[in-house]
């Protein structure tokens, strides 16, 4: 099981996630593949000092890639969408 600091790998900031933030107040993160919804909720609340209302997770499969003649796969990763209590924000998405 990952530690609290290793649970959240990085925020995912794209056009699609920015629209989800503006419309519904949802933040998207890449998380450790073994992280559960309860550990993700606890990590977000302790790292950013906000109240989490809901957590949705999905496994993203690795894409096939070719390097020269060899075929391989990018590693799989886990995505978490987090909804915060009304009025709470995370500053890293505000820039």
C-alpha atoms as a PDB file:
ATOM      1  CA  UNK A   1       0.000   0.000   0.000  1.00  0.00           C
ATOM      2  CA  UNK A   2       1.422   3.434  -0.891  1.00  0.00           C
ATOM      3  CA  UNK A   3       2.169   6.016   1.760  1.00  0.00           C
ATOM      4  CA  UNK A   4       0.150   9.201   2.047  1.00  0.00           C
ATOM      5  CA  UNK A   5       2.664  11.240   0.026  1.00  0.00           C
ATOM      6  CA  UNK A   6       3.025   8.601  -2.705  1.00  0.00           C
ATOM      7  CA  UNK A   7      -0.721   8.116  -3.189  1.00  0.00           C
ATOM      8  CA  UNK A   8      -1.116  11.225  -5.363  1.00  0.00           C
ATOM      9  CA  UNK A   9       1.366  11.069  -8.261  1.00  0.00           C
ATOM     10  CA  UNK A  10       0.460  14.245 -10.162  1.00  0.00           C
ATOM     11  CA  UNK A  11      -2.477  16.419 -11.168  1.00  0.00           C
ATOM     12  CA  UNK A  12      -3.790  15.972 -14.702  1.00  0.00           C
ATOM     13  CA  UNK A  13      -4.402  19.334 -16.361  1.00  0.00           C
ATOM     14  CA  UNK A  14      -5.842  19.147 -19.876  1.00  0.00           C
ATOM     15  CA  UNK A  15      -8.619  20.956 -21.721  1.00  0.00           C
ATOM     16  CA  UNK A  16     -11.084  18.240 -20.770  1.00  0.00           C
ATOM     17  CA  UNK A  17     -10.181  18.269 -17.062  1.00  0.00           C
ATOM     18  CA  UNK A  18     -10.200  22.075 -17.000  1.00  0.00           C
ATOM     19  CA  UNK A  19     -13.765  22.074 -18.334  1.00  0.00           C
ATOM     20  CA  UNK A  20     -14.757  19.485 -15.703  1.00  0.00           C
ATOM     21  CA  UNK A  21     -13.290  21.755 -13.024  1.00  0.00           C
ATOM     22  CA  UNK A  22     -15.118  24.836 -14.307  1.00  0.00           C
ATOM     23  CA  UNK A  23     -18.479  23.115 -14.887  1.00  0.00           C
ATOM     24  CA  UNK A  24     -18.689  20.603 -12.040  1.00  0.00           C
ATOM     25  CA  UNK A  25     -15.827  21.403  -9.646  1.00  0.00           C
ATOM     26  CA  UNK A  26     -14.054  18.070 -10.293  1.00  0.00           C
ATOM     27  CA  UNK A  27     -10.280  17.667 -10.069  1.00  0.00           C
ATOM     28  CA  UNK A  28      -8.357  14.888 -11.834  1.00  0.00           C
ATOM     29  CA  UNK A  29      -5.207  13.215 -10.497  1.00  0.00           C
ATOM     30  CA  UNK A  30      -2.927  10.355 -11.450  1.00  0.00           C
ATOM     31  CA  UNK A  31      -2.721   8.128  -8.384  1.00  0.00           C
ATOM     32  CA  UNK A  32      -0.776   5.046  -7.310  1.00  0.00           C
ATOM     33  CA  UNK A  33      -2.241   1.892  -8.950  1.00  0.00           C
ATOM     34  CA  UNK A  34      -2.796   0.239  -5.543  1.00  0.00           C
ATOM     35  CA  UNK A  35      -4.533   3.263  -3.978  1.00  0.00           C
ATOM     36  CA  UNK A  36      -8.130   2.838  -2.826  1.00  0.00           C
ATOM     37  CA  UNK A  37     -10.859   5.472  -2.792  1.00  0.00           C
ATOM     38  CA  UNK A  38     -10.542   5.936   0.967  1.00  0.00           C
ATOM     39  CA  UNK A  39      -6.763   6.458   0.829  1.00  0.00           C
ATOM     40  CA  UNK A  40      -7.162   8.882  -2.101  1.00  0.00           C
ATOM     41  CA  UNK A  41      -9.768  10.855  -0.128  1.00  0.00           C
ATOM     42  CA  UNK A  42      -7.558  10.958   2.976  1.00  0.00           C
ATOM     43  CA  UNK A  43      -4.504  12.034   0.946  1.00  0.00           C
ATOM     44  CA  UNK A  44      -6.336  14.876  -0.834  1.00  0.00           C
ATOM     45  CA  UNK A  45      -7.854  16.133   2.420  1.00  0.00           C
ATOM     46  CA  UNK A  46      -4.532  16.110   4.278  1.00  0.00           C
ATOM     47  CA  UNK A  47      -2.344  17.494   1.456  1.00  0.00           C
ATOM     48  CA  UNK A  48      -4.628  20.327   0.334  1.00  0.00           C
ATOM     49  CA  UNK A  49      -6.798  20.961   3.414  1.00  0.00           C
ATOM     50  CA  UNK A  50     -10.143  20.539   1.626  1.00  0.00           C
ATOM     51  CA  UNK A  51     -13.246  18.379   2.148  1.00  0.00           C
ATOM     52  CA  UNK A  52     -13.817  15.637  -0.432  1.00  0.00           C
ATOM     53  CA  UNK A  53     -17.411  14.750  -1.335  1.00  0.00           C
ATOM     54  CA  UNK A  54     -16.794  11.968  -3.881  1.00  0.00           C
ATOM     55  CA  UNK A  55     -14.009   9.954  -5.534  1.00  0.00           C
ATOM     56  CA  UNK A  56     -14.258   8.083  -8.840  1.00  0.00           C
ATOM     57  CA  UNK A  57     -11.388   5.919 -10.086  1.00  0.00           C
ATOM     58  CA  UNK A  58     -10.539   4.159 -13.326  1.00  0.00           C
ATOM     59  CA  UNK A  59      -7.655   2.050 -14.571  1.00  0.00           C
ATOM     60  CA  UNK A  60      -6.030   3.326 -17.761  1.00  0.00           C
ATOM     61  CA  UNK A  61      -4.456   0.589 -19.854  1.00  0.00           C
ATOM     62  CA  UNK A  62      -0.986   0.969 -21.352  1.00  0.00           C
ATOM     63  CA  UNK A  63      -0.797   1.942 -24.999  1.00  0.00           C
ATOM     64  CA  UNK A  64       1.205  -0.232 -27.408  1.00  0.00           C
ATOM     65  CA  UNK A  65       4.396   1.415 -28.642  1.00  0.00           C
ATOM     66  CA  UNK A  66       7.027   0.357 -31.154  1.00  0.00           C
ATOM     67  CA  UNK A  67      10.694   1.234 -30.824  1.00  0.00           C
ATOM     68  CA  UNK A  68      12.555   0.024 -33.889  1.00  0.00           C
ATOM     69  CA  UNK A  69      11.505  -3.583 -34.418  1.00  0.00           C
ATOM     70  CA  UNK A  70      10.467  -4.220 -30.841  1.00  0.00           C
ATOM     71  CA  UNK A  71       6.882  -3.916 -29.625  1.00  0.00           C
ATOM     72  CA  UNK A  72       6.129  -2.926 -26.087  1.00  0.00           C
ATOM     73  CA  UNK A  73       3.527  -1.348 -23.835  1.00  0.00           C
ATOM     74  CA  UNK A  74       3.495   1.850 -21.871  1.00  0.00           C
ATOM     75  CA  UNK A  75       2.729   1.129 -18.217  1.00  0.00           C
ATOM     76  CA  UNK A  76      -0.859   1.126 -16.962  1.00  0.00           C
ATOM     77  CA  UNK A  77      -1.889   3.868 -14.558  1.00  0.00           C
ATOM     78  CA  UNK A  78      -4.813   4.836 -12.370  1.00  0.00           C
ATOM     79  CA  UNK A  79      -6.871   8.015 -12.664  1.00  0.00           C
ATOM     80  CA  UNK A  80      -8.947   9.533  -9.858  1.00  0.00           C
ATOM     81  CA  UNK A  81     -11.620  12.200 -10.263  1.00  0.00           C
ATOM     82  CA  UNK A  82     -12.275  14.051  -7.002  1.00  0.00           C
ATOM     83  CA  UNK A  83     -15.275  16.281  -6.217  1.00  0.00           C
ATOM     84  CA  UNK A  84     -14.862  18.802  -3.412  1.00  0.00           C
ATOM     85  CA  UNK A  85     -17.363  20.412  -1.070  1.00  0.00           C
ATOM     86  CA  UNK A  86     -18.892  23.625  -2.430  1.00  0.00           C
ATOM     87  CA  UNK A  87     -16.543  26.550  -1.839  1.00  0.00           C
ATOM     88  CA  UNK A  88     -13.328  24.488  -1.584  1.00  0.00           C
ATOM     89  CA  UNK A  89     -10.650  24.849  -4.253  1.00  0.00           C
ATOM     90  CA  UNK A  90      -7.169  23.494  -4.911  1.00  0.00           C
ATOM     91  CA  UNK A  91      -4.707  26.240  -5.816  1.00  0.00           C
ATOM     92  CA  UNK A  92      -2.555  24.278  -8.299  1.00  0.00           C
ATOM     93  CA  UNK A  93      -5.469  24.273 -10.758  1.00  0.00           C
ATOM     94  CA  UNK A  94      -6.104  28.011 -10.471  1.00  0.00           C
ATOM     95  CA  UNK A  95      -3.153  29.165 -12.578  1.00  0.00           C
END
